């Protein structure tokens, strides 16, 4: 791992080299020297990779945006779907899109009780969709 990538990881996680030194269990001078000489130890690299994974999980918007681009879905697109089922949870409805994929929407228990009824939805997360009126 080069020091540019390491510095970017620290910057993304809003962490100083002193805080990173405390996290790894080293003196701050040792960390500054290692970064300056581009000679990071294995424990430092391991911790930096953990921080990188944590940052990727903390900011799913970038990842989600990439997934949406591969699915050819704009970020705020409204889609049409039909209700195909009622799970035990009376606040959920199972919906099916024209392409055959399925999802869930939240709604009031007495709303949208007909099978095959069309609804307009917008994506929230994973398989959950938001009802658009």
N, C-alpha and C. Protein backbone atom coordinates (compact mmCIF):
# COMPACT_ATOMS: atom_id res chain seq x y z
N UNK A 1 0.86 -1.17 0.00
CA UNK A 1 0.00 0.00 0.00
C UNK A 1 0.90 1.24 0.00
N UNK A 2 0.60 2.18 -0.89
CA UNK A 2 1.39 3.40 -0.95
C UNK A 2 0.81 4.46 -0.02
N UNK A 3 1.61 5.49 0.25
CA UNK A 3 1.20 6.47 1.25
C UNK A 3 0.07 7.37 0.75
N UNK A 4 -0.08 7.54 -0.58
CA UNK A 4 -1.19 8.34 -1.09
C UNK A 4 -2.53 7.67 -0.77
N UNK A 5 -2.58 6.37 -1.00
CA UNK A 5 -3.81 5.62 -0.69
C UNK A 5 -4.07 5.62 0.82
N UNK A 6 -3.02 5.45 1.62
CA UNK A 6 -3.16 5.46 3.07
C UNK A 6 -3.65 6.81 3.56
N UNK A 7 -3.09 7.89 3.01
CA UNK A 7 -3.54 9.23 3.41
C UNK A 7 -4.99 9.47 3.01
N UNK A 8 -5.40 8.94 1.85
CA UNK A 8 -6.78 9.10 1.41
C UNK A 8 -7.73 8.36 2.35
N UNK A 9 -7.35 7.17 2.78
CA UNK A 9 -8.18 6.40 3.72
C UNK A 9 -8.34 7.16 5.03
N UNK A 10 -7.24 7.71 5.54
CA UNK A 10 -7.32 8.49 6.78
C UNK A 10 -8.20 9.72 6.58
N UNK A 11 -8.06 10.38 5.45
CA UNK A 11 -8.85 11.58 5.18
C UNK A 11 -10.33 11.24 5.06
N UNK A 12 -10.66 10.14 4.37
CA UNK A 12 -12.05 9.72 4.23
C UNK A 12 -12.69 9.42 5.57
N UNK A 13 -11.92 8.83 6.48
CA UNK A 13 -12.43 8.49 7.81
C UNK A 13 -12.26 9.63 8.81
N UNK A 14 -11.81 10.79 8.32
CA UNK A 14 -11.61 11.98 9.16
C UNK A 14 -10.75 11.65 10.38
N UNK A 15 -9.61 11.05 10.12
CA UNK A 15 -8.71 10.62 11.19
C UNK A 15 -7.32 11.20 10.95
N UNK A 16 -6.71 11.67 12.03
CA UNK A 16 -5.34 12.18 11.94
C UNK A 16 -4.36 11.02 12.12
N UNK A 17 -3.11 11.30 11.84
CA UNK A 17 -2.08 10.26 12.02
C UNK A 17 -1.88 9.96 13.50
N UNK A 18 -2.08 10.97 14.35
CA UNK A 18 -1.95 10.76 15.80
C UNK A 18 -3.06 9.81 16.28
N UNK A 19 -4.30 10.05 15.82
CA UNK A 19 -5.40 9.17 16.20
C UNK A 19 -5.19 7.77 15.64
N UNK A 20 -4.66 7.68 14.42
CA UNK A 20 -4.37 6.38 13.83
C UNK A 20 -3.31 5.64 14.64
N UNK A 21 -2.30 6.38 15.12
CA UNK A 21 -1.24 5.77 15.94
C UNK A 21 -1.83 5.18 17.21
N UNK A 22 -2.76 5.90 17.85
CA UNK A 22 -3.41 5.38 19.05
C UNK A 22 -4.24 4.14 18.72
N UNK A 23 -4.88 4.14 17.56
CA UNK A 23 -5.69 3.01 17.15
C UNK A 23 -4.84 1.77 16.92
N UNK A 24 -3.67 1.94 16.31
CA UNK A 24 -2.78 0.82 16.04
C UNK A 24 -1.99 0.42 17.28
N UNK A 25 -1.77 1.36 18.19
CA UNK A 25 -1.00 1.07 19.39
C UNK A 25 0.46 1.42 19.26
N UNK A 26 0.77 2.42 18.43
CA UNK A 26 2.14 2.86 18.23
C UNK A 26 2.27 4.32 18.64
N UNK A 27 3.53 4.78 18.72
CA UNK A 27 3.76 6.19 18.99
C UNK A 27 3.49 6.99 17.72
N UNK A 28 3.07 8.24 17.91
CA UNK A 28 2.73 9.06 16.75
C UNK A 28 3.96 9.32 15.87
N UNK A 29 5.13 9.44 16.47
CA UNK A 29 6.35 9.65 15.70
C UNK A 29 6.67 8.49 14.78
N UNK A 30 6.40 7.28 15.27
CA UNK A 30 6.63 6.09 14.46
C UNK A 30 5.72 6.08 13.24
N UNK A 31 4.47 6.46 13.45
CA UNK A 31 3.51 6.49 12.34
C UNK A 31 3.89 7.57 11.34
N UNK A 32 4.26 8.77 11.82
CA UNK A 32 4.68 9.85 10.93
C UNK A 32 5.90 9.42 10.09
N UNK A 33 6.84 8.76 10.74
CA UNK A 33 8.05 8.30 10.03
C UNK A 33 7.70 7.24 8.99
N UNK A 34 6.83 6.31 9.36
CA UNK A 34 6.43 5.25 8.43
C UNK A 34 5.71 5.82 7.21
N UNK A 35 4.84 6.80 7.44
CA UNK A 35 4.14 7.42 6.32
C UNK A 35 5.12 8.20 5.44
N UNK A 36 6.04 8.90 6.07
CA UNK A 36 7.01 9.70 5.32
C UNK A 36 7.93 8.85 4.48
N UNK A 37 8.36 7.72 5.01
CA UNK A 37 9.29 6.84 4.29
C UNK A 37 8.56 5.82 3.40
N UNK A 38 7.22 5.86 3.44
CA UNK A 38 6.41 4.93 2.67
C UNK A 38 6.74 3.48 3.04
N UNK A 39 6.92 3.22 4.33
CA UNK A 39 7.23 1.89 4.84
C UNK A 39 6.21 1.55 5.94
N UNK A 40 5.02 1.19 5.51
CA UNK A 40 3.96 0.86 6.46
C UNK A 40 4.09 -0.60 6.89
N UNK A 41 3.91 -0.83 8.17
CA UNK A 41 4.02 -2.19 8.70
C UNK A 41 2.75 -2.98 8.40
N UNK A 42 2.80 -4.29 8.58
CA UNK A 42 1.64 -5.14 8.32
C UNK A 42 0.45 -4.78 9.21
N UNK A 43 0.65 -4.52 10.53
CA UNK A 43 -0.50 -4.12 11.34
C UNK A 43 -1.11 -2.80 10.87
N UNK A 44 -0.28 -1.87 10.39
CA UNK A 44 -0.80 -0.60 9.88
C UNK A 44 -1.64 -0.83 8.63
N UNK A 45 -1.12 -1.65 7.72
CA UNK A 45 -1.84 -1.93 6.48
C UNK A 45 -3.15 -2.65 6.78
N UNK A 46 -3.12 -3.59 7.70
CA UNK A 46 -4.33 -4.32 8.07
C UNK A 46 -5.38 -3.37 8.63
N UNK A 47 -4.96 -2.46 9.50
CA UNK A 47 -5.91 -1.51 10.10
C UNK A 47 -6.43 -0.52 9.06
N UNK A 48 -5.57 -0.10 8.14
CA UNK A 48 -6.01 0.81 7.07
C UNK A 48 -7.03 0.13 6.16
N UNK A 49 -6.83 -1.16 5.87
CA UNK A 49 -7.80 -1.88 5.05
C UNK A 49 -9.14 -2.04 5.78
N UNK A 50 -9.08 -2.22 7.11
CA UNK A 50 -10.32 -2.28 7.90
C UNK A 50 -11.04 -0.94 7.84
N UNK A 51 -10.29 0.14 7.95
CA UNK A 51 -10.89 1.47 7.86
C UNK A 51 -11.50 1.72 6.48
N UNK A 52 -10.83 1.22 5.46
CA UNK A 52 -11.34 1.39 4.10
C UNK A 52 -12.66 0.65 3.92
N UNK A 53 -12.74 -0.59 4.44
CA UNK A 53 -13.99 -1.34 4.36
C UNK A 53 -15.09 -0.67 5.17
N UNK A 54 -14.73 -0.13 6.35
CA UNK A 54 -15.71 0.56 7.19
C UNK A 54 -16.26 1.79 6.46
N UNK A 55 -15.38 2.52 5.79
CA UNK A 55 -15.82 3.72 5.05
C UNK A 55 -16.76 3.33 3.91
N UNK A 56 -16.47 2.22 3.24
CA UNK A 56 -17.32 1.76 2.14
C UNK A 56 -18.70 1.36 2.66
N UNK A 57 -18.76 0.75 3.85
CA UNK A 57 -20.05 0.38 4.43
C UNK A 57 -20.80 1.59 4.94
N UNK A 58 -20.05 2.56 5.48
CA UNK A 58 -20.66 3.76 6.05
C UNK A 58 -21.27 4.63 4.97
N UNK A 59 -20.73 4.62 3.77
CA UNK A 59 -21.22 5.44 2.67
C UNK A 59 -21.73 4.56 1.54
N UNK A 60 -22.90 3.95 1.73
CA UNK A 60 -23.41 3.10 0.66
C UNK A 60 -23.96 3.88 -0.53
N UNK A 61 -24.08 5.20 -0.39
CA UNK A 61 -24.66 5.99 -1.48
C UNK A 61 -23.82 5.85 -2.75
N UNK A 62 -22.51 5.82 -2.62
CA UNK A 62 -21.66 5.65 -3.79
C UNK A 62 -21.86 4.26 -4.38
N UNK A 63 -21.86 3.25 -3.53
CA UNK A 63 -22.05 1.88 -3.98
C UNK A 63 -23.44 1.71 -4.58
N UNK A 64 -24.44 2.27 -3.91
CA UNK A 64 -25.80 2.15 -4.40
C UNK A 64 -25.96 2.86 -5.74
N UNK A 65 -25.28 3.98 -5.91
CA UNK A 65 -25.32 4.69 -7.19
C UNK A 65 -24.74 3.86 -8.31
N UNK A 66 -23.65 3.15 -8.02
CA UNK A 66 -23.05 2.27 -9.03
C UNK A 66 -23.99 1.13 -9.39
N UNK A 67 -24.65 0.56 -8.38
CA UNK A 67 -25.60 -0.52 -8.63
C UNK A 67 -26.76 -0.02 -9.48
N UNK A 68 -27.26 1.17 -9.16
CA UNK A 68 -28.36 1.74 -9.94
C UNK A 68 -27.94 1.98 -11.38
N UNK A 69 -26.70 2.40 -11.60
CA UNK A 69 -26.25 2.64 -12.97
C UNK A 69 -26.19 1.33 -13.75
N UNK A 70 -25.76 0.24 -13.10
CA UNK A 70 -25.70 -1.04 -13.81
C UNK A 70 -27.09 -1.58 -14.07
N UNK A 71 -28.06 -1.24 -13.24
CA UNK A 71 -29.44 -1.67 -13.44
C UNK A 71 -30.20 -0.71 -14.35
N UNK A 72 -29.54 0.36 -14.81
CA UNK A 72 -30.17 1.38 -15.65
C UNK A 72 -31.35 2.04 -14.96
N UNK A 73 -31.25 2.24 -13.63
CA UNK A 73 -32.28 2.94 -12.88
C UNK A 73 -31.74 4.30 -12.46
N UNK A 74 -32.42 5.38 -12.82
CA UNK A 74 -32.01 6.66 -12.26
C UNK A 74 -32.22 6.67 -10.76
N UNK A 75 -31.58 7.59 -10.06
CA UNK A 75 -31.62 7.61 -8.60
C UNK A 75 -33.04 7.82 -8.08
N UNK A 76 -33.84 8.64 -8.73
CA UNK A 76 -35.19 8.94 -8.24
C UNK A 76 -36.26 8.58 -9.27
N UNK A 77 -36.21 7.43 -9.84
CA UNK A 77 -37.18 7.04 -10.85
C UNK A 77 -38.41 6.43 -10.19
N UNK A 78 -39.58 6.78 -10.72
CA UNK A 78 -40.83 6.19 -10.27
C UNK A 78 -41.20 5.07 -11.23
N UNK A 79 -41.52 3.91 -10.67
CA UNK A 79 -41.87 2.74 -11.47
C UNK A 79 -43.29 2.29 -11.16
N UNK A 80 -43.88 1.59 -12.11
CA UNK A 80 -45.20 1.02 -11.92
C UNK A 80 -45.05 -0.46 -11.55
N UNK A 81 -45.89 -0.90 -10.62
CA UNK A 81 -45.86 -2.30 -10.18
C UNK A 81 -47.28 -2.74 -9.86
N UNK A 82 -47.44 -4.05 -9.71
CA UNK A 82 -48.75 -4.60 -9.34
C UNK A 82 -48.62 -5.36 -8.04
N UNK A 83 -49.64 -5.29 -7.22
CA UNK A 83 -49.66 -6.01 -5.94
C UNK A 83 -49.95 -7.48 -6.23
N UNK A 84 -49.08 -8.36 -5.70
CA UNK A 84 -49.26 -9.78 -5.95
C UNK A 84 -49.43 -10.60 -4.67
N UNK A 85 -49.29 -9.96 -3.50
CA UNK A 85 -49.42 -10.75 -2.28
C UNK A 85 -49.52 -9.92 -1.03
N UNK A 86 -50.02 -10.59 0.02
CA UNK A 86 -50.17 -9.97 1.33
C UNK A 86 -49.47 -10.84 2.36
N UNK A 87 -48.30 -10.42 2.87
CA UNK A 87 -47.63 -11.23 3.90
C UNK A 87 -48.35 -11.11 5.25
N UNK A 88 -47.88 -11.82 6.25
CA UNK A 88 -48.49 -11.77 7.57
C UNK A 88 -48.47 -10.37 8.16
N UNK A 89 -47.41 -9.61 7.85
CA UNK A 89 -47.33 -8.23 8.32
C UNK A 89 -48.35 -7.41 7.56
N UNK A 90 -49.36 -6.90 8.27
CA UNK A 90 -50.47 -6.22 7.59
C UNK A 90 -50.09 -4.86 7.02
N UNK A 91 -48.89 -4.37 7.31
CA UNK A 91 -48.44 -3.08 6.78
C UNK A 91 -47.62 -3.23 5.49
N UNK A 92 -47.38 -4.45 5.04
CA UNK A 92 -46.58 -4.68 3.84
C UNK A 92 -47.42 -5.25 2.72
N UNK A 93 -47.00 -4.97 1.51
CA UNK A 93 -47.58 -5.58 0.31
C UNK A 93 -46.42 -6.06 -0.56
N UNK A 94 -46.57 -7.19 -1.18
CA UNK A 94 -45.56 -7.69 -2.11
C UNK A 94 -45.96 -7.24 -3.50
N UNK A 95 -45.00 -6.66 -4.21
CA UNK A 95 -45.28 -6.11 -5.54
C UNK A 95 -44.39 -6.78 -6.58
N UNK A 96 -44.84 -6.73 -7.83
CA UNK A 96 -44.08 -7.30 -8.93
C UNK A 96 -44.02 -6.28 -10.06
N UNK A 97 -42.82 -6.11 -10.62
CA UNK A 97 -42.61 -5.16 -11.70
C UNK A 97 -42.77 -5.85 -13.05
N UNK A 98 -42.80 -5.04 -14.10
CA UNK A 98 -42.99 -5.57 -15.45
C UNK A 98 -41.88 -6.52 -15.86
N UNK A 99 -40.67 -6.29 -15.35
CA UNK A 99 -39.55 -7.16 -15.73
C UNK A 99 -39.49 -8.46 -14.93
N UNK A 100 -40.44 -8.65 -13.99
CA UNK A 100 -40.51 -9.90 -13.23
C UNK A 100 -39.89 -9.84 -11.85
N UNK A 101 -39.18 -8.76 -11.51
CA UNK A 101 -38.59 -8.65 -10.17
C UNK A 101 -39.67 -8.30 -9.16
N UNK A 102 -39.40 -8.65 -7.92
CA UNK A 102 -40.37 -8.41 -6.85
C UNK A 102 -39.77 -7.51 -5.80
N UNK A 103 -40.65 -6.91 -5.00
CA UNK A 103 -40.25 -6.04 -3.90
C UNK A 103 -41.37 -5.92 -2.90
N UNK A 104 -41.19 -5.03 -1.93
CA UNK A 104 -42.19 -4.82 -0.88
C UNK A 104 -42.45 -3.33 -0.74
N UNK A 105 -43.68 -2.98 -0.38
CA UNK A 105 -44.00 -1.59 -0.06
C UNK A 105 -44.68 -1.56 1.30
N UNK A 106 -44.54 -0.44 1.98
CA UNK A 106 -45.24 -0.21 3.24
C UNK A 106 -46.47 0.63 2.94
N UNK A 107 -47.59 0.28 3.58
CA UNK A 107 -48.80 1.08 3.43
C UNK A 107 -49.71 0.83 4.63
N UNK A 108 -50.80 1.58 4.69
CA UNK A 108 -51.77 1.40 5.78
C UNK A 108 -52.47 0.05 5.59
N UNK A 109 -52.89 -0.57 6.69
CA UNK A 109 -53.48 -1.91 6.59
C UNK A 109 -54.72 -2.00 5.71
N UNK A 110 -55.54 -0.95 5.65
CA UNK A 110 -56.78 -1.03 4.89
C UNK A 110 -56.64 -0.49 3.46
N UNK A 111 -55.42 -0.17 3.03
CA UNK A 111 -55.20 0.37 1.69
C UNK A 111 -54.65 -0.72 0.78
N UNK A 112 -54.95 -0.60 -0.51
CA UNK A 112 -54.41 -1.47 -1.54
C UNK A 112 -54.64 -2.95 -1.22
N UNK A 113 -55.92 -3.32 -1.14
CA UNK A 113 -56.30 -4.68 -0.77
C UNK A 113 -56.57 -5.57 -1.98
N UNK A 114 -56.56 -5.03 -3.18
CA UNK A 114 -56.91 -5.82 -4.36
C UNK A 114 -55.66 -6.40 -5.01
N UNK A 115 -55.74 -7.67 -5.33
CA UNK A 115 -54.65 -8.32 -6.06
C UNK A 115 -54.62 -7.76 -7.47
N UNK A 116 -53.43 -7.48 -7.99
CA UNK A 116 -53.30 -6.97 -9.34
C UNK A 116 -53.47 -5.47 -9.45
N UNK A 117 -53.71 -4.79 -8.33
CA UNK A 117 -53.89 -3.34 -8.36
C UNK A 117 -52.55 -2.67 -8.67
N UNK A 118 -52.54 -1.69 -9.54
CA UNK A 118 -51.32 -1.00 -9.93
C UNK A 118 -50.94 0.08 -8.92
N UNK A 119 -49.66 0.22 -8.66
CA UNK A 119 -49.15 1.26 -7.75
C UNK A 119 -47.89 1.88 -8.35
N UNK A 120 -47.65 3.14 -8.00
CA UNK A 120 -46.42 3.82 -8.39
C UNK A 120 -45.48 3.81 -7.19
N UNK A 121 -44.24 3.40 -7.41
CA UNK A 121 -43.29 3.27 -6.31
C UNK A 121 -41.94 3.86 -6.67
N UNK A 122 -41.17 4.20 -5.63
CA UNK A 122 -39.81 4.71 -5.77
C UNK A 122 -38.93 3.90 -4.83
N UNK A 123 -37.72 3.58 -5.26
CA UNK A 123 -36.82 2.70 -4.51
C UNK A 123 -36.29 3.39 -3.26
N UNK A 124 -36.26 2.66 -2.14
CA UNK A 124 -35.67 3.16 -0.88
C UNK A 124 -34.36 2.43 -0.63
N UNK A 125 -34.44 1.13 -0.35
CA UNK A 125 -33.25 0.32 -0.08
C UNK A 125 -33.58 -1.15 -0.32
N UNK A 126 -32.57 -1.89 -0.72
CA UNK A 126 -32.68 -3.32 -0.99
C UNK A 126 -33.96 -3.63 -1.75
N UNK A 127 -34.90 -4.39 -1.14
CA UNK A 127 -36.13 -4.72 -1.84
C UNK A 127 -37.32 -3.89 -1.34
N UNK A 128 -37.06 -2.84 -0.56
CA UNK A 128 -38.13 -1.98 -0.05
C UNK A 128 -38.35 -0.80 -1.00
N UNK A 129 -39.61 -0.50 -1.26
CA UNK A 129 -40.00 0.58 -2.15
C UNK A 129 -40.96 1.50 -1.42
N UNK A 130 -40.98 2.76 -1.81
CA UNK A 130 -41.83 3.77 -1.20
C UNK A 130 -43.00 4.03 -2.12
N UNK A 131 -44.19 4.07 -1.56
CA UNK A 131 -45.39 4.34 -2.33
C UNK A 131 -45.43 5.81 -2.71
N UNK A 132 -45.65 6.10 -3.98
CA UNK A 132 -45.73 7.47 -4.48
C UNK A 132 -47.17 7.75 -4.86
N UNK A 133 -47.71 8.85 -4.39
CA UNK A 133 -49.13 9.15 -4.68
C UNK A 133 -49.25 10.15 -5.76
